[in-house]
Amino acid sequence: MPKPRGREHSSLTETAEAVVYELKKISGIKMIAPGEIRSNKKSASKRYVTANYTSGGFELLISGQSIQKVAVHTDRDAREIFLELKTMKRLSHITFKERERKPGI
């Protein structure tokens, strides 16, 4: 992964931190950009990662105790990278989902 531009984002939720740690191991990722953290009104017992595919890669919606969006810009096919992420043993306690973001809908 190239040298990060600007300052490092250190504010990640517990679940997002585990996902980003595993994403850094995968080749073909240009940039990982964490977003704003929002509180979760639902119970925090289940953890979900939902991928929204975009033209530059994909956006992960990571929920646990809080909800956080993490944008991932890639050189490779985003579906391949997400499949690698789903199969990582360290993330086996997380439920993974996929969604398409289609223009005009």
N, C-alpha and C. Protein backbone atom coordinates (compact mmCIF):
# COMPACT_ATOMS: atom_id res chain seq x y z
N MET A 1 0.85 -1.17 0.00
CA MET A 1 0.00 0.00 0.00
C MET A 1 0.90 1.24 0.00
N PRO A 2 0.59 2.26 -0.81
CA PRO A 2 1.42 3.46 -0.87
C PRO A 2 1.42 4.23 0.44
N LYS A 3 2.36 5.14 0.53
CA LYS A 3 2.48 5.99 1.72
C LYS A 3 1.20 6.81 1.89
N PRO A 4 0.63 6.84 3.11
CA PRO A 4 -0.62 7.59 3.31
C PRO A 4 -0.42 9.10 3.12
N ARG A 5 -1.40 9.74 2.48
CA ARG A 5 -1.36 11.18 2.29
C ARG A 5 -2.03 11.84 3.47
N GLY A 6 -1.52 13.01 3.85
CA GLY A 6 -2.14 13.72 4.96
C GLY A 6 -1.82 13.04 6.27
N ARG A 7 -2.68 13.20 7.23
CA ARG A 7 -2.42 12.59 8.53
C ARG A 7 -3.11 11.24 8.63
N GLU A 8 -2.64 10.43 9.54
CA GLU A 8 -3.20 9.10 9.76
C GLU A 8 -4.52 9.22 10.52
N HIS A 9 -5.51 8.46 10.13
CA HIS A 9 -6.76 8.39 10.88
C HIS A 9 -6.57 7.32 11.95
N SER A 10 -6.77 7.67 13.19
CA SER A 10 -6.60 6.69 14.25
C SER A 10 -7.92 6.33 14.91
N SER A 11 -8.98 7.02 14.54
CA SER A 11 -10.27 6.77 15.18
C SER A 11 -11.03 5.68 14.42
N LEU A 12 -10.92 4.47 14.91
CA LEU A 12 -11.64 3.33 14.35
C LEU A 12 -12.37 2.64 15.48
N THR A 13 -13.54 2.11 15.18
CA THR A 13 -14.23 1.30 16.18
C THR A 13 -13.49 -0.03 16.33
N GLU A 14 -13.84 -0.77 17.35
CA GLU A 14 -13.17 -2.04 17.61
C GLU A 14 -13.31 -3.01 16.44
N THR A 15 -14.50 -3.12 15.90
CA THR A 15 -14.74 -4.01 14.77
C THR A 15 -14.04 -3.50 13.52
N ALA A 16 -14.11 -2.19 13.27
CA ALA A 16 -13.46 -1.60 12.09
C ALA A 16 -11.95 -1.75 12.16
N GLU A 17 -11.39 -1.67 13.35
CA GLU A 17 -9.95 -1.82 13.51
C GLU A 17 -9.49 -3.22 13.10
N ALA A 18 -10.25 -4.25 13.46
CA ALA A 18 -9.92 -5.62 13.08
C ALA A 18 -10.03 -5.80 11.56
N VAL A 19 -11.06 -5.21 10.95
CA VAL A 19 -11.26 -5.34 9.50
C VAL A 19 -10.16 -4.61 8.73
N VAL A 20 -9.81 -3.39 9.16
CA VAL A 20 -8.76 -2.62 8.50
C VAL A 20 -7.40 -3.30 8.65
N TYR A 21 -7.14 -3.90 9.79
CA TYR A 21 -5.89 -4.63 10.01
C TYR A 21 -5.75 -5.76 8.99
N GLU A 22 -6.83 -6.46 8.73
CA GLU A 22 -6.80 -7.55 7.75
C GLU A 22 -6.75 -7.01 6.32
N LEU A 23 -7.41 -5.87 6.05
CA LEU A 23 -7.37 -5.27 4.71
C LEU A 23 -5.96 -4.86 4.32
N LYS A 24 -5.15 -4.41 5.28
CA LYS A 24 -3.79 -3.98 5.00
C LYS A 24 -2.92 -5.12 4.50
N LYS A 25 -3.30 -6.35 4.78
CA LYS A 25 -2.54 -7.53 4.35
C LYS A 25 -2.81 -7.90 2.90
N ILE A 26 -3.89 -7.40 2.32
CA ILE A 26 -4.32 -7.77 0.97
C ILE A 26 -3.66 -6.84 -0.05
N SER A 27 -3.13 -7.42 -1.12
CA SER A 27 -2.50 -6.60 -2.16
C SER A 27 -3.56 -6.01 -3.09
N GLY A 28 -3.22 -4.91 -3.73
CA GLY A 28 -4.13 -4.27 -4.69
C GLY A 28 -4.97 -3.17 -4.09
N ILE A 29 -4.73 -2.81 -2.84
CA ILE A 29 -5.49 -1.73 -2.21
C ILE A 29 -4.66 -0.45 -2.26
N LYS A 30 -5.25 0.61 -2.83
CA LYS A 30 -4.55 1.89 -2.95
C LYS A 30 -4.70 2.73 -1.69
N MET A 31 -5.91 2.77 -1.13
CA MET A 31 -6.15 3.65 0.01
C MET A 31 -7.31 3.12 0.85
N ILE A 32 -7.19 3.30 2.16
CA ILE A 32 -8.25 2.97 3.10
C ILE A 32 -8.58 4.26 3.84
N ALA A 33 -9.84 4.70 3.77
CA ALA A 33 -10.25 5.97 4.38
C ALA A 33 -11.39 5.76 5.35
N PRO A 34 -11.11 5.77 6.67
CA PRO A 34 -12.19 5.63 7.65
C PRO A 34 -13.08 6.85 7.69
N GLY A 35 -14.35 6.62 7.96
CA GLY A 35 -15.32 7.71 8.02
C GLY A 35 -15.76 7.99 9.45
N GLU A 36 -16.82 8.74 9.56
CA GLU A 36 -17.36 9.18 10.85
C GLU A 36 -17.96 8.01 11.62
N ILE A 37 -17.84 8.05 12.93
CA ILE A 37 -18.40 7.02 13.80
C ILE A 37 -19.74 7.51 14.33
N ARG A 38 -20.77 6.67 14.19
CA ARG A 38 -22.10 6.99 14.72
C ARG A 38 -22.48 5.95 15.75
N SER A 39 -23.31 6.32 16.71
CA SER A 39 -23.74 5.36 17.72
C SER A 39 -24.75 4.40 17.13
N ASN A 40 -24.78 3.20 17.65
CA ASN A 40 -25.68 2.16 17.17
C ASN A 40 -26.82 2.00 18.18
N LYS A 41 -28.04 2.14 17.73
CA LYS A 41 -29.19 2.05 18.62
C LYS A 41 -29.61 0.61 18.86
N LYS A 42 -29.15 -0.30 18.00
CA LYS A 42 -29.49 -1.71 18.17
C LYS A 42 -28.55 -2.35 19.18
N SER A 43 -28.80 -3.61 19.49
CA SER A 43 -27.93 -4.31 20.41
C SER A 43 -26.56 -4.51 19.79
N ALA A 44 -25.55 -4.51 20.62
CA ALA A 44 -24.18 -4.59 20.13
C ALA A 44 -23.65 -6.02 20.11
N SER A 45 -24.52 -7.00 20.23
CA SER A 45 -24.05 -8.38 20.31
C SER A 45 -23.63 -8.94 18.96
N LYS A 46 -24.19 -8.44 17.86
CA LYS A 46 -23.85 -8.95 16.54
C LYS A 46 -23.02 -7.92 15.77
N ARG A 47 -22.11 -8.43 14.95
CA ARG A 47 -21.24 -7.57 14.16
C ARG A 47 -21.45 -7.87 12.68
N TYR A 48 -21.64 -6.81 11.90
CA TYR A 48 -21.91 -6.95 10.48
C TYR A 48 -20.94 -6.09 9.68
N VAL A 49 -20.56 -6.57 8.50
CA VAL A 49 -19.81 -5.79 7.53
C VAL A 49 -20.56 -5.91 6.21
N THR A 50 -21.02 -4.77 5.69
CA THR A 50 -21.75 -4.74 4.44
C THR A 50 -20.90 -3.98 3.42
N ALA A 51 -20.73 -4.58 2.25
CA ALA A 51 -19.94 -3.95 1.18
C ALA A 51 -20.87 -3.34 0.15
N ASN A 52 -20.63 -2.07 -0.17
CA ASN A 52 -21.30 -1.36 -1.27
C ASN A 52 -20.24 -1.14 -2.33
N TYR A 53 -20.42 -1.73 -3.50
CA TYR A 53 -19.43 -1.60 -4.57
C TYR A 53 -19.61 -0.28 -5.29
N THR A 54 -18.50 0.40 -5.52
CA THR A 54 -18.50 1.67 -6.23
C THR A 54 -17.52 1.58 -7.40
N SER A 55 -17.39 2.65 -8.17
CA SER A 55 -16.49 2.63 -9.33
C SER A 55 -15.02 2.60 -8.92
N GLY A 56 -14.67 3.13 -7.75
CA GLY A 56 -13.28 3.17 -7.31
C GLY A 56 -12.88 2.02 -6.41
N GLY A 57 -13.81 1.18 -6.04
CA GLY A 57 -13.52 0.07 -5.13
C GLY A 57 -14.80 -0.33 -4.42
N PHE A 58 -14.80 -0.18 -3.09
CA PHE A 58 -16.00 -0.47 -2.33
C PHE A 58 -15.99 0.29 -1.02
N GLU A 59 -17.17 0.41 -0.43
CA GLU A 59 -17.35 1.08 0.84
C GLU A 59 -17.88 0.05 1.82
N LEU A 60 -17.23 -0.07 2.97
CA LEU A 60 -17.67 -1.01 3.99
C LEU A 60 -18.47 -0.28 5.04
N LEU A 61 -19.62 -0.79 5.37
CA LEU A 61 -20.44 -0.29 6.47
C LEU A 61 -20.25 -1.29 7.60
N ILE A 62 -19.49 -0.91 8.61
CA ILE A 62 -19.10 -1.81 9.69
C ILE A 62 -19.90 -1.46 10.93
N SER A 63 -20.65 -2.44 11.45
CA SER A 63 -21.46 -2.18 12.63
C SER A 63 -21.12 -3.18 13.73
N GLY A 64 -21.16 -2.70 14.93
CA GLY A 64 -20.91 -3.47 16.14
C GLY A 64 -21.51 -2.64 17.26
N GLN A 65 -20.66 -2.14 18.16
CA GLN A 65 -21.15 -1.22 19.18
C GLN A 65 -21.53 0.11 18.55
N SER A 66 -20.79 0.51 17.52
CA SER A 66 -21.06 1.73 16.75
C SER A 66 -21.05 1.38 15.27
N ILE A 67 -21.43 2.35 14.45
CA ILE A 67 -21.44 2.15 12.99
C ILE A 67 -20.41 3.07 12.38
N GLN A 68 -19.60 2.53 11.46
CA GLN A 68 -18.60 3.33 10.78
C GLN A 68 -18.48 2.90 9.32
N LYS A 69 -18.33 3.88 8.44
CA LYS A 69 -18.09 3.60 7.02
C LYS A 69 -16.60 3.70 6.77
N VAL A 70 -16.07 2.75 5.99
CA VAL A 70 -14.67 2.75 5.61
C VAL A 70 -14.61 2.59 4.09
N ALA A 71 -14.06 3.58 3.40
CA ALA A 71 -13.93 3.52 1.94
C ALA A 71 -12.61 2.85 1.59
N VAL A 72 -12.65 1.94 0.61
CA VAL A 72 -11.47 1.22 0.17
C VAL A 72 -11.33 1.42 -1.34
N HIS A 73 -10.21 2.02 -1.76
CA HIS A 73 -9.93 2.24 -3.17
C HIS A 73 -8.96 1.16 -3.62
N THR A 74 -9.27 0.53 -4.77
CA THR A 74 -8.50 -0.64 -5.20
C THR A 74 -8.02 -0.54 -6.64
N ASP A 75 -6.99 -1.33 -6.93
CA ASP A 75 -6.51 -1.52 -8.30
C ASP A 75 -7.15 -2.77 -8.90
N ARG A 76 -7.42 -3.75 -8.06
CA ARG A 76 -7.99 -5.02 -8.48
C ARG A 76 -9.51 -4.97 -8.44
N ASP A 77 -10.14 -6.09 -8.79
CA ASP A 77 -11.58 -6.21 -8.72
C ASP A 77 -12.01 -6.20 -7.24
N ALA A 78 -12.95 -5.35 -6.91
CA ALA A 78 -13.38 -5.19 -5.52
C ALA A 78 -14.03 -6.46 -4.98
N ARG A 79 -14.71 -7.21 -5.81
CA ARG A 79 -15.36 -8.45 -5.36
C ARG A 79 -14.33 -9.49 -4.93
N GLU A 80 -13.19 -9.56 -5.63
CA GLU A 80 -12.13 -10.50 -5.25
C GLU A 80 -11.56 -10.14 -3.88
N ILE A 81 -11.33 -8.86 -3.67
CA ILE A 81 -10.77 -8.42 -2.39
C ILE A 81 -11.75 -8.68 -1.26
N PHE A 82 -13.03 -8.41 -1.49
CA PHE A 82 -14.03 -8.66 -0.45
C PHE A 82 -14.15 -10.16 -0.16
N LEU A 83 -14.02 -10.99 -1.17
CA LEU A 83 -14.04 -12.44 -0.97
C LEU A 83 -12.86 -12.89 -0.11
N GLU A 84 -11.67 -12.32 -0.36
CA GLU A 84 -10.50 -12.62 0.47
C GLU A 84 -10.75 -12.20 1.92
N LEU A 85 -11.37 -11.04 2.09
CA LEU A 85 -11.65 -10.53 3.43
C LEU A 85 -12.62 -11.45 4.17
N LYS A 86 -13.64 -11.93 3.46
CA LYS A 86 -14.64 -12.82 4.07
C LYS A 86 -14.04 -14.14 4.54
N THR A 87 -13.01 -14.62 3.86
CA THR A 87 -12.44 -15.92 4.18
C THR A 87 -11.33 -15.87 5.23
N MET A 88 -11.00 -14.69 5.72
CA MET A 88 -9.94 -14.58 6.72
C MET A 88 -10.42 -15.14 8.06
N LYS A 89 -9.59 -15.97 8.63
CA LYS A 89 -9.95 -16.69 9.85
C LYS A 89 -10.18 -15.75 11.04
N ARG A 90 -9.43 -14.68 11.11
CA ARG A 90 -9.55 -13.75 12.25
C ARG A 90 -10.90 -13.03 12.27
N LEU A 91 -11.58 -12.97 11.12
CA LEU A 91 -12.86 -12.27 11.01
C LEU A 91 -14.04 -13.23 10.94
N SER A 92 -13.87 -14.45 11.40
CA SER A 92 -14.93 -15.46 11.29
C SER A 92 -16.15 -15.15 12.17
N HIS A 93 -16.00 -14.29 13.17
CA HIS A 93 -17.11 -13.95 14.07
C HIS A 93 -18.01 -12.84 13.51
N ILE A 94 -17.66 -12.32 12.33
CA ILE A 94 -18.40 -11.22 11.72
C ILE A 94 -19.26 -11.76 10.57
N THR A 95 -20.48 -11.25 10.45
CA THR A 95 -21.38 -11.61 9.35
C THR A 95 -21.15 -10.63 8.20
N PHE A 96 -20.90 -11.16 6.99
CA PHE A 96 -20.62 -10.33 5.83
C PHE A 96 -21.82 -10.32 4.88
N LYS A 97 -22.10 -9.13 4.32
CA LYS A 97 -23.19 -8.95 3.35
C LYS A 97 -22.66 -8.12 2.19
N GLU A 98 -23.37 -8.17 1.06
CA GLU A 98 -23.00 -7.37 -0.12
C GLU A 98 -24.22 -6.63 -0.65
N ARG A 99 -23.99 -5.41 -1.19
CA ARG A 99 -25.04 -4.61 -1.82
C ARG A 99 -24.46 -3.93 -3.03
N GLU A 100 -25.29 -3.67 -4.01
CA GLU A 100 -24.90 -2.91 -5.20
C GLU A 100 -25.40 -1.49 -5.04
N ARG A 101 -24.55 -0.55 -5.34
CA ARG A 101 -24.96 0.86 -5.38
C ARG A 101 -25.10 1.21 -6.85
N LYS A 102 -26.33 1.35 -7.29
CA LYS A 102 -26.57 1.61 -8.70
C LYS A 102 -26.98 3.07 -8.90
N PRO A 103 -26.43 3.73 -9.91
CA PRO A 103 -26.77 5.13 -10.14
C PRO A 103 -28.25 5.30 -10.49
N GLY A 104 -28.84 6.35 -9.94
CA GLY A 104 -30.22 6.67 -10.27
C GLY A 104 -31.26 5.92 -9.46
N ILE A 105 -30.83 5.08 -8.52
CA ILE A 105 -31.81 4.33 -7.71
C ILE A 105 -31.75 4.80 -6.29
